[in-house]
């Protein structure tokens, strides 16, 4: 008899599992979500708002794909998991029985009990519903405040700015995204953000949102009043697991899982933003809310459920983003604050920068951040696997460049600046 698999969540983690599992088995697969009818690319939401694409362009599969591949899509919200009965209860009263349960419910935007945070005109930017709300509400906005200095915050600032809305951007730290970027990198991006007409305020927090029924202004930690009709709350995300509070599934910040992405309940697994690895690999965080890790988790778990027990291995860290028109990439470990065993080289020219981090003692390459210059992931994957030296990376920097042929190359300038820095170390 075919196994029944219920997947809660239709983001990249859950959907990757469903598709890979279908390739490997004839299991009865059901995906439950109340966010959208079909899977879409969450990272593309900003481009829909900015008019670069339509929402249907964010859906990589035809609507008929799911029925053809015998993957049932169930619209609903889970209210309870009854693991002792192998049952999931939905708010609409439907009960789903499973042999394997996969929790892939992603994240939810953080709120910190600010006065006025539930007024009309306050929203995050995570779900499809957030995009729909912003689209509907944007005609009422002349001035907006975005709170939170990370990737989602700068995306939302760019979205609002693209429609001629005056944006004030509150960042509580003393440099932009300083949990991830060095001060040099943060300062370069701050200048770039300001050049795009965003009123960036560092060392400033939100104290209160004011208004009768809808947003009229905010009060900052400095006591300043800023008029606005919209407040974007982008102060990070947390695992979306409130519905598990009364279950016997072990949770901490996220759903606790082992190296096989398995919870304390043998036939229940968790992946993606909501999963918390109990013993993560060296240099990796227990929770990583990143698209590619969700995809790898889905591919890994599909093998395990199909009978090939496979441990989760995310490989070397990498990520990419965009700050207005500056593309950012990171490979390996290039932390904002170096350890006592690390050293760095830094080069910057106009809106381009490269920061390379290496080990002081043996000069082994450890990581790189690039801004405005595209690099090849496969190059750095090989370099990190072979534990090559920083000198090897500098010597072969041209081979790492992924920019189109007609783009100006900066390797010569980078090497010259780094050579000067070598003599100073």
Protein backbone atom coordinates (compact mmCIF):
# COMPACT_ATOMS: atom_id res chain seq x y z
CA UNK A 1 0.00 0.00 0.00
CA UNK A 2 1.35 3.44 -0.97
CA UNK A 3 2.64 5.65 1.85
CA UNK A 4 0.79 8.88 2.58
CA UNK A 5 2.98 11.97 2.85
CA UNK A 6 1.54 15.27 4.10
CA UNK A 7 3.66 18.39 3.58
CA UNK A 8 2.69 21.55 5.48
CA UNK A 9 3.89 24.53 3.47
CA UNK A 10 4.31 25.13 -0.27
CA UNK A 11 7.55 27.13 -0.25
CA UNK A 12 10.75 26.00 -1.91
CA UNK A 13 11.58 23.45 0.82
CA UNK A 14 8.22 21.66 0.84
CA UNK A 15 7.71 21.78 -2.92
CA UNK A 16 11.24 20.52 -3.67
CA UNK A 17 10.55 17.54 -1.41
CA UNK A 18 7.24 16.84 -3.16
CA UNK A 19 8.74 17.00 -6.66
CA UNK A 20 11.85 14.95 -5.83
CA UNK A 21 9.78 12.40 -3.92
CA UNK A 22 7.47 12.00 -6.90
CA UNK A 23 10.50 11.17 -9.09
CA UNK A 24 11.56 8.46 -6.65
CA UNK A 25 8.27 6.94 -5.40
CA UNK A 26 4.57 6.39 -6.03
CA UNK A 27 3.70 7.81 -2.60
CA UNK A 28 0.42 9.65 -2.06
CA UNK A 29 1.67 13.25 -1.68
CA UNK A 30 -0.41 16.16 -0.35
CA UNK A 31 0.79 19.76 0.14
CA UNK A 32 -1.18 22.02 2.49
CA UNK A 33 -0.99 25.83 2.30
CA UNK A 34 -3.29 28.81 2.73
CA UNK A 35 -0.88 31.38 1.27
CA UNK A 36 -1.20 30.68 -2.45
CA UNK A 37 -2.81 28.08 -4.68
CA UNK A 38 0.42 27.28 -6.50
CA UNK A 39 4.14 27.43 -5.67
CA UNK A 40 5.85 30.73 -6.51
CA UNK A 41 9.30 32.28 -6.09
CA UNK A 42 9.12 34.40 -2.93
CA UNK A 43 12.30 36.30 -3.83
CA UNK A 44 10.57 37.72 -6.92
CA UNK A 45 7.73 39.48 -5.07
CA UNK A 46 9.48 42.86 -5.20
CA UNK A 47 9.80 42.68 -8.99
CA UNK A 48 6.06 42.11 -9.33
CA UNK A 49 5.37 45.28 -7.35
CA UNK A 50 7.93 47.22 -9.39
CA UNK A 51 6.32 46.12 -12.66
CA UNK A 52 9.21 44.02 -13.95
CA UNK A 53 7.05 40.89 -14.08
CA UNK A 54 3.55 39.64 -13.43
CA UNK A 55 2.77 37.35 -10.51
CA UNK A 56 2.23 34.37 -12.81
CA UNK A 57 5.83 34.81 -13.99
CA UNK A 58 6.98 33.91 -10.46
CA UNK A 59 5.42 30.45 -10.83
CA UNK A 60 8.00 28.07 -12.40
CA UNK A 61 5.47 25.32 -13.13
CA UNK A 62 2.29 25.27 -15.20
CA UNK A 63 -0.87 25.01 -13.10
CA UNK A 64 -1.52 21.60 -14.67
CA UNK A 65 1.86 20.30 -13.47
CA UNK A 66 0.59 19.28 -10.04
CA UNK A 67 -2.32 17.17 -11.22
CA UNK A 68 -0.21 15.54 -13.94
CA UNK A 69 2.37 14.58 -11.32
CA UNK A 70 -0.24 13.43 -8.82
CA UNK A 71 0.66 15.98 -6.15
CA UNK A 72 -2.50 17.08 -4.32
CA UNK A 73 -2.65 20.78 -3.39
CA UNK A 74 -4.88 21.46 -0.40
CA UNK A 75 -5.89 25.01 0.47
CA UNK A 76 -6.12 25.32 4.23
CA UNK A 77 -4.38 26.22 7.48
CA UNK A 78 -3.22 23.58 9.95
CA UNK A 79 -4.58 24.08 13.46
CA UNK A 80 -3.10 21.03 15.17
CA UNK A 81 -0.79 18.05 14.70
CA UNK A 82 -1.94 14.90 16.50
CA UNK A 83 1.20 12.77 16.17
CA UNK A 84 -0.15 9.92 18.28
CA UNK A 85 -2.94 9.52 15.70
CA UNK A 86 -0.77 10.37 12.65
CA UNK A 87 -3.29 13.09 11.86
CA UNK A 88 -3.19 16.76 10.87
CA UNK A 89 -6.27 18.88 11.63
CA UNK A 90 -7.13 21.90 9.48
CA UNK A 91 -9.04 24.94 10.67
CA UNK A 92 -11.87 24.09 8.25
CA UNK A 93 -12.47 20.81 10.08
CA UNK A 94 -10.72 18.51 7.58
CA UNK A 95 -8.40 15.85 9.02
CA UNK A 96 -5.50 14.42 7.01
CA UNK A 97 -3.95 11.06 7.91
CA UNK A 98 -0.27 10.51 7.12
CA UNK A 99 2.52 7.96 7.28
CA UNK A 100 5.12 10.71 7.02
CA UNK A 101 4.58 14.35 8.00
CA UNK A 102 6.83 17.14 6.75
CA UNK A 103 6.73 20.56 8.43
CA UNK A 104 7.93 23.25 6.01
CA UNK A 105 6.00 26.29 7.23
CA UNK A 106 8.77 28.84 6.72
CA UNK A 107 9.00 32.09 8.65
CA UNK A 108 6.83 34.91 9.91
CA UNK A 109 7.87 38.58 10.24
CA UNK A 110 8.91 39.68 13.72
CA UNK A 111 6.86 42.16 15.72
CA UNK A 112 7.98 43.64 19.03
CA UNK A 113 4.74 44.93 20.52
CA UNK A 114 5.15 48.48 19.31
CA UNK A 115 2.14 50.68 20.10
CA UNK A 116 0.13 51.00 16.88
CA UNK A 117 1.69 48.01 15.10
CA UNK A 118 -1.76 46.65 14.19
CA UNK A 119 -3.04 49.85 12.57
CA UNK A 120 -4.07 49.90 8.94
CA UNK A 121 -1.01 50.79 6.87
CA UNK A 122 1.44 48.54 8.76
CA UNK A 123 2.81 45.49 6.96
CA UNK A 124 5.82 43.25 6.50
CA UNK A 125 7.10 41.85 3.23
CA UNK A 126 7.17 38.08 3.31
CA UNK A 127 3.91 36.51 2.15
CA UNK A 128 1.95 36.86 -1.06
CA UNK A 129 -0.75 38.54 1.04
CA UNK A 130 1.78 41.23 2.05
CA UNK A 131 2.35 42.03 -1.63
CA UNK A 132 -1.39 42.15 -2.31
CA UNK A 133 -1.94 44.44 0.69
CA UNK A 134 0.86 46.76 -0.39
CA UNK A 135 -0.45 46.87 -3.95
CA UNK A 136 -3.93 47.74 -2.73
CA UNK A 137 -2.74 50.29 -0.17
CA UNK A 138 0.04 51.99 -2.16
CA UNK A 139 -2.23 54.61 -3.74
CA UNK A 140 -2.76 56.09 -0.24
CA UNK A 141 0.97 56.40 0.47
CA UNK A 142 2.97 59.57 -0.06
CA UNK A 143 5.46 58.99 2.74
CA UNK A 144 6.60 55.67 4.21
CA UNK A 145 8.90 54.48 6.98
CA UNK A 146 10.75 51.17 6.71
CA UNK A 147 12.05 49.70 9.99
CA UNK A 148 14.93 47.22 9.95
CA UNK A 149 18.30 47.28 8.23
CA UNK A 150 18.50 43.93 6.44
CA UNK A 151 17.79 42.56 3.00
CA UNK A 152 13.99 42.68 3.22
CA UNK A 153 14.15 46.26 4.48
CA UNK A 154 16.25 47.54 1.60
CA UNK A 155 14.02 45.64 -0.87
CA UNK A 156 10.90 47.26 0.54
CA UNK A 157 12.56 50.69 0.47
CA UNK A 158 13.42 50.19 -3.20
CA UNK A 159 9.87 49.01 -4.01
CA UNK A 160 8.25 52.06 -2.43
CA UNK A 161 10.84 54.40 -3.92
CA UNK A 162 10.10 53.00 -7.40
CA UNK A 163 6.57 54.45 -7.13
CA UNK A 164 7.72 57.92 -6.12
CA UNK A 165 6.98 57.40 -2.42
CA UNK A 166 9.24 59.28 0.01
CA UNK A 167 10.98 56.67 2.18
CA UNK A 168 12.64 57.02 5.57
CA UNK A 169 14.72 53.96 6.48
CA UNK A 170 15.38 53.33 10.19
CA UNK A 171 18.41 51.19 11.06
CA UNK A 172 19.12 50.68 14.74
CA UNK A 173 22.79 49.75 14.21
CA UNK A 174 25.59 52.24 13.58
CA UNK A 175 26.30 50.87 10.10
CA UNK A 176 24.13 49.14 7.52
CA UNK A 177 23.56 45.37 8.02
CA UNK A 178 26.45 45.22 10.45
CA UNK A 179 25.58 41.70 11.60
CA UNK A 180 26.76 40.50 8.18
CA UNK A 181 28.89 43.22 6.56
CA UNK A 182 32.06 44.97 7.64
CA UNK A 183 31.90 48.68 8.37
CA UNK A 184 33.62 49.50 5.04
CA UNK A 185 31.02 47.51 3.11
CA UNK A 186 28.17 48.97 5.11
CA UNK A 187 29.36 52.54 4.53
CA UNK A 188 29.59 51.99 0.78
CA UNK A 189 26.02 50.69 0.70
CA UNK A 190 24.79 53.53 2.94
CA UNK A 191 26.12 56.02 0.41
CA UNK A 192 24.45 54.10 -2.40
CA UNK A 193 21.10 54.00 -0.58
CA UNK A 194 21.25 57.75 0.08
CA UNK A 195 22.10 58.41 -3.57
CA UNK A 196 18.79 56.73 -4.49
CA UNK A 197 16.84 59.26 -2.46
CA UNK A 198 16.22 57.16 0.64
CA UNK A 199 16.35 59.04 3.96
CA UNK A 200 18.59 56.60 5.84
CA UNK A 201 18.78 57.07 9.61
CA UNK A 202 21.37 55.04 11.54
CA UNK A 203 21.31 54.40 15.31
CA UNK A 204 17.55 55.04 15.28
CA UNK A 205 14.77 52.71 16.39
CA UNK A 206 10.99 52.72 16.20
CA UNK A 207 9.27 53.65 19.46
CA UNK A 208 5.61 54.08 18.46
CA UNK A 209 3.28 54.11 15.45
CA UNK A 210 0.58 56.78 15.76
CA UNK A 211 -2.82 57.13 14.14
CA UNK A 212 -6.53 56.71 14.81
CA UNK A 213 -7.51 53.92 12.44
CA UNK A 214 -4.56 54.06 10.04
CA UNK A 215 -0.93 55.16 10.19
CA UNK A 216 -0.38 58.93 10.47
CA UNK A 217 3.16 59.14 11.86
CA UNK A 218 5.82 57.38 13.88
CA UNK A 219 7.90 58.37 16.88
CA UNK A 220 11.56 57.33 16.86
CA UNK A 221 13.80 56.41 19.78
CA UNK A 222 15.23 59.93 19.46
CA UNK A 223 11.77 61.42 20.05
CA UNK A 224 11.45 62.60 16.45
CA UNK A 225 7.99 62.54 14.84
CA UNK A 226 7.94 61.48 11.17
CA UNK A 227 4.75 61.85 9.13
CA UNK A 228 3.89 58.79 7.05
CA UNK A 229 0.96 56.73 5.78
CA UNK A 230 2.74 53.36 5.76
CA UNK A 231 5.16 51.53 8.05
CA UNK A 232 7.08 48.52 6.76
CA UNK A 233 8.19 46.22 9.58
CA UNK A 234 11.24 44.28 8.36
CA UNK A 235 13.07 43.52 11.59
CA UNK A 236 13.83 39.91 10.77
CA UNK A 237 11.78 36.74 10.77
CA UNK A 238 11.20 33.78 13.08
CA UNK A 239 10.10 30.19 12.44
CA UNK A 240 6.37 29.91 11.81
CA UNK A 241 5.61 27.17 14.35
CA UNK A 242 2.96 28.54 16.74
CA UNK A 243 0.55 25.76 15.74
CA UNK A 244 2.96 23.20 17.27
CA UNK A 245 3.05 24.70 20.77
CA UNK A 246 0.65 22.09 22.17
CA UNK A 247 2.04 19.13 20.23
CA UNK A 248 4.59 16.60 21.46
CA UNK A 249 7.06 17.70 18.78
CA UNK A 250 10.15 19.24 20.37
CA UNK A 251 10.62 22.89 19.47
CA UNK A 252 12.98 25.67 20.49
CA UNK A 253 13.19 28.73 18.24
CA UNK A 254 12.41 26.32 15.42
CA UNK A 255 11.41 22.67 15.10
CA UNK A 256 14.34 20.67 16.49
CA UNK A 257 15.75 18.14 14.01
CA UNK A 258 18.77 15.85 13.73
CA UNK A 259 21.17 15.49 10.81
CA UNK A 260 18.47 13.57 8.91
CA UNK A 261 16.00 16.44 9.43
CA UNK A 262 13.97 14.17 11.69
CA UNK A 263 12.16 15.43 14.80
CA UNK A 264 11.83 13.55 18.09
CA UNK A 265 8.76 11.88 16.54
CA UNK A 266 10.09 9.20 14.20
CA UNK A 267 7.82 9.82 11.20
CA UNK A 268 7.79 13.64 11.41
CA UNK A 269 10.42 15.84 9.74
CA UNK A 270 11.02 19.58 9.41
CA UNK A 271 12.94 21.55 6.78
CA UNK A 272 13.49 25.08 5.55
CA UNK A 273 13.22 28.28 7.59
CA UNK A 274 11.28 26.59 10.40
CA UNK A 275 13.83 23.81 11.05
CA UNK A 276 16.48 24.14 13.77
CA UNK A 277 19.45 21.78 13.36
CA UNK A 278 20.45 20.51 16.81
CA UNK A 279 24.08 19.92 15.85
CA UNK A 280 24.84 22.13 12.85
CA UNK A 281 28.07 21.79 10.92
CA UNK A 282 30.99 23.99 11.96
CA UNK A 283 30.40 27.63 10.98
CA UNK A 284 26.72 27.01 10.09
CA UNK A 285 23.78 28.38 12.07
CA UNK A 286 21.07 26.14 13.56
CA UNK A 287 18.42 28.06 11.56
CA UNK A 288 19.24 29.37 8.08
CA UNK A 289 16.36 31.17 6.38
CA UNK A 290 17.86 30.99 2.90
CA UNK A 291 16.33 29.78 -0.36
CA UNK A 292 19.10 27.41 -1.39
CA UNK A 293 19.34 25.63 1.98
CA UNK A 294 15.60 24.95 1.82
CA UNK A 295 16.07 23.42 -1.61
CA UNK A 296 18.97 21.22 -0.47
CA UNK A 297 16.96 20.09 2.56
CA UNK A 298 14.07 19.12 0.27
CA UNK A 299 16.35 17.11 -2.02
CA UNK A 300 17.98 15.42 0.98
CA UNK A 301 14.75 14.49 2.73
CA UNK A 302 13.18 13.08 -0.44
CA UNK A 303 16.01 10.54 -0.63
CA UNK A 304 15.54 9.55 3.01
CA UNK A 305 11.76 9.10 2.67
CA UNK A 306 12.33 7.06 -0.49
CA UNK A 307 14.53 4.64 1.46
CA UNK A 308 18.03 6.06 0.96
CA UNK A 309 18.83 7.53 4.37
CA UNK A 310 20.78 10.73 3.71
CA UNK A 311 22.18 13.28 6.13
CA UNK A 312 21.85 16.98 5.43
CA UNK A 313 25.01 18.60 4.09
CA UNK A 314 24.63 22.26 3.03
CA UNK A 315 28.23 22.55 1.85
CA UNK A 316 30.02 25.89 1.90
CA UNK A 317 28.01 29.00 2.70
CA UNK A 318 26.97 31.21 -0.18
CA UNK A 319 24.31 33.82 -0.76
CA UNK A 320 23.44 36.67 -3.10
CA UNK A 321 21.28 39.79 -2.97
CA UNK A 322 20.81 43.17 -4.57
CA UNK A 323 21.02 46.65 -3.04
CA UNK A 324 19.23 48.76 -5.64
CA UNK A 325 21.58 48.15 -8.59
CA UNK A 326 24.57 46.76 -6.67
CA UNK A 327 24.72 42.96 -6.83
CA UNK A 328 26.17 41.22 -3.78
CA UNK A 329 27.64 37.73 -3.51
CA UNK A 330 29.30 35.90 -0.65
CA UNK A 331 31.15 32.57 -0.62
CA UNK A 332 32.66 30.84 2.40
CA UNK A 333 33.18 32.76 5.64
CA UNK A 334 33.66 36.52 5.48
CA UNK A 335 32.17 37.63 8.82
CA UNK A 336 31.46 41.22 9.76
CA UNK A 337 33.83 40.93 12.73
CA UNK A 338 36.98 38.92 12.10
CA UNK A 339 38.21 36.33 14.58
CA UNK A 340 41.69 36.69 16.05
CA UNK A 341 42.94 34.13 13.50
CA UNK A 342 41.58 35.99 10.48
CA UNK A 343 42.86 38.80 8.29
CA UNK A 344 41.30 40.54 5.31
CA UNK A 345 42.03 42.43 2.10
CA UNK A 346 39.60 45.12 1.02
CA UNK A 347 39.27 46.93 -2.32
CA UNK A 348 36.65 49.52 -3.26
CA UNK A 349 36.08 51.65 -6.34
CA UNK A 350 32.88 53.65 -6.90
CA UNK A 351 30.02 51.17 -6.34
CA UNK A 352 32.20 48.06 -6.49
CA UNK A 353 34.04 46.28 -3.70
CA UNK A 354 35.78 43.01 -2.88
CA UNK A 355 36.66 41.75 0.60
CA UNK A 356 38.71 38.56 0.96
CA UNK A 357 39.14 36.88 4.35
CA UNK A 358 41.95 34.42 5.07
CA UNK A 359 43.69 32.62 7.91
CA UNK A 360 46.59 34.62 9.41
CA UNK A 361 48.76 31.63 10.19
CA UNK A 362 48.62 29.52 7.02
CA UNK A 363 47.09 32.10 4.61
CA UNK A 364 44.28 29.67 3.70
CA UNK A 365 41.42 31.38 1.85
CA UNK A 366 38.25 31.40 3.98
CA UNK A 367 35.70 33.63 2.24
CA UNK A 368 34.89 36.50 -0.07
CA UNK A 369 32.25 39.23 -0.41
CA UNK A 370 31.81 40.95 -3.76
CA UNK A 371 29.75 44.01 -4.67
CA UNK A 372 29.09 44.93 -8.29
CA UNK A 373 31.38 42.18 -9.63
CA UNK A 374 29.96 38.74 -10.36
CA UNK A 375 32.02 35.72 -9.35
CA UNK A 376 31.68 32.01 -10.16
CA UNK A 377 30.36 29.82 -7.39
CA UNK A 378 32.05 26.71 -8.77
CA UNK A 379 35.46 28.42 -8.59
CA UNK A 380 35.13 29.20 -4.89
CA UNK A 381 33.55 25.82 -4.15
CA UNK A 382 36.71 24.15 -5.50
CA UNK A 383 39.02 26.61 -3.75
CA UNK A 384 37.31 26.02 -0.40
CA UNK A 385 37.23 22.24 -0.85
CA UNK A 386 40.96 22.16 -1.66
CA UNK A 387 41.77 24.69 1.09
CA UNK A 388 43.75 26.81 -1.36
CA UNK A 389 45.69 29.86 -0.19
CA UNK A 390 44.60 33.47 -0.52
CA UNK A 391 47.58 33.91 -2.83
CA UNK A 392 46.18 31.24 -5.16
CA UNK A 393 42.83 33.04 -5.22
CA UNK A 394 44.44 36.40 -6.04
CA UNK A 395 46.59 34.85 -8.76
CA UNK A 396 43.53 33.23 -10.37
CA UNK A 397 40.98 35.98 -9.76
CA UNK A 398 40.34 36.41 -13.49
CA UNK A 399 39.15 32.78 -13.65
CA UNK A 400 36.58 33.53 -10.95
CA UNK A 401 35.04 36.49 -12.79
CA UNK A 402 31.58 35.78 -14.19
CA UNK A 403 30.82 39.21 -15.63
CA UNK A 404 29.91 39.35 -19.34
CA UNK A 405 32.76 39.81 -21.81
CA UNK A 406 31.98 43.50 -22.45
CA UNK A 407 32.04 44.44 -18.74
CA UNK A 408 35.07 46.29 -17.46
CA UNK A 409 37.38 44.05 -15.45
CA UNK A 410 39.04 45.20 -12.21
CA UNK A 411 41.36 42.31 -11.32
CA UNK A 412 44.50 44.35 -12.02
CA UNK A 413 43.44 47.18 -9.71
CA UNK A 414 42.30 44.71 -7.04
CA UNK A 415 45.63 42.89 -7.08
CA UNK A 416 47.57 46.15 -6.86
CA UNK A 417 45.62 47.30 -3.81
CA UNK A 418 45.87 43.88 -2.15
CA UNK A 419 49.64 43.78 -2.83
CA UNK A 420 50.01 47.04 -0.93
CA UNK A 421 47.95 45.61 1.94
CA UNK A 422 50.09 42.45 2.04
CA UNK A 423 53.16 44.52 2.84
CA UNK A 424 51.32 46.13 5.74
CA UNK A 425 50.26 42.87 7.39
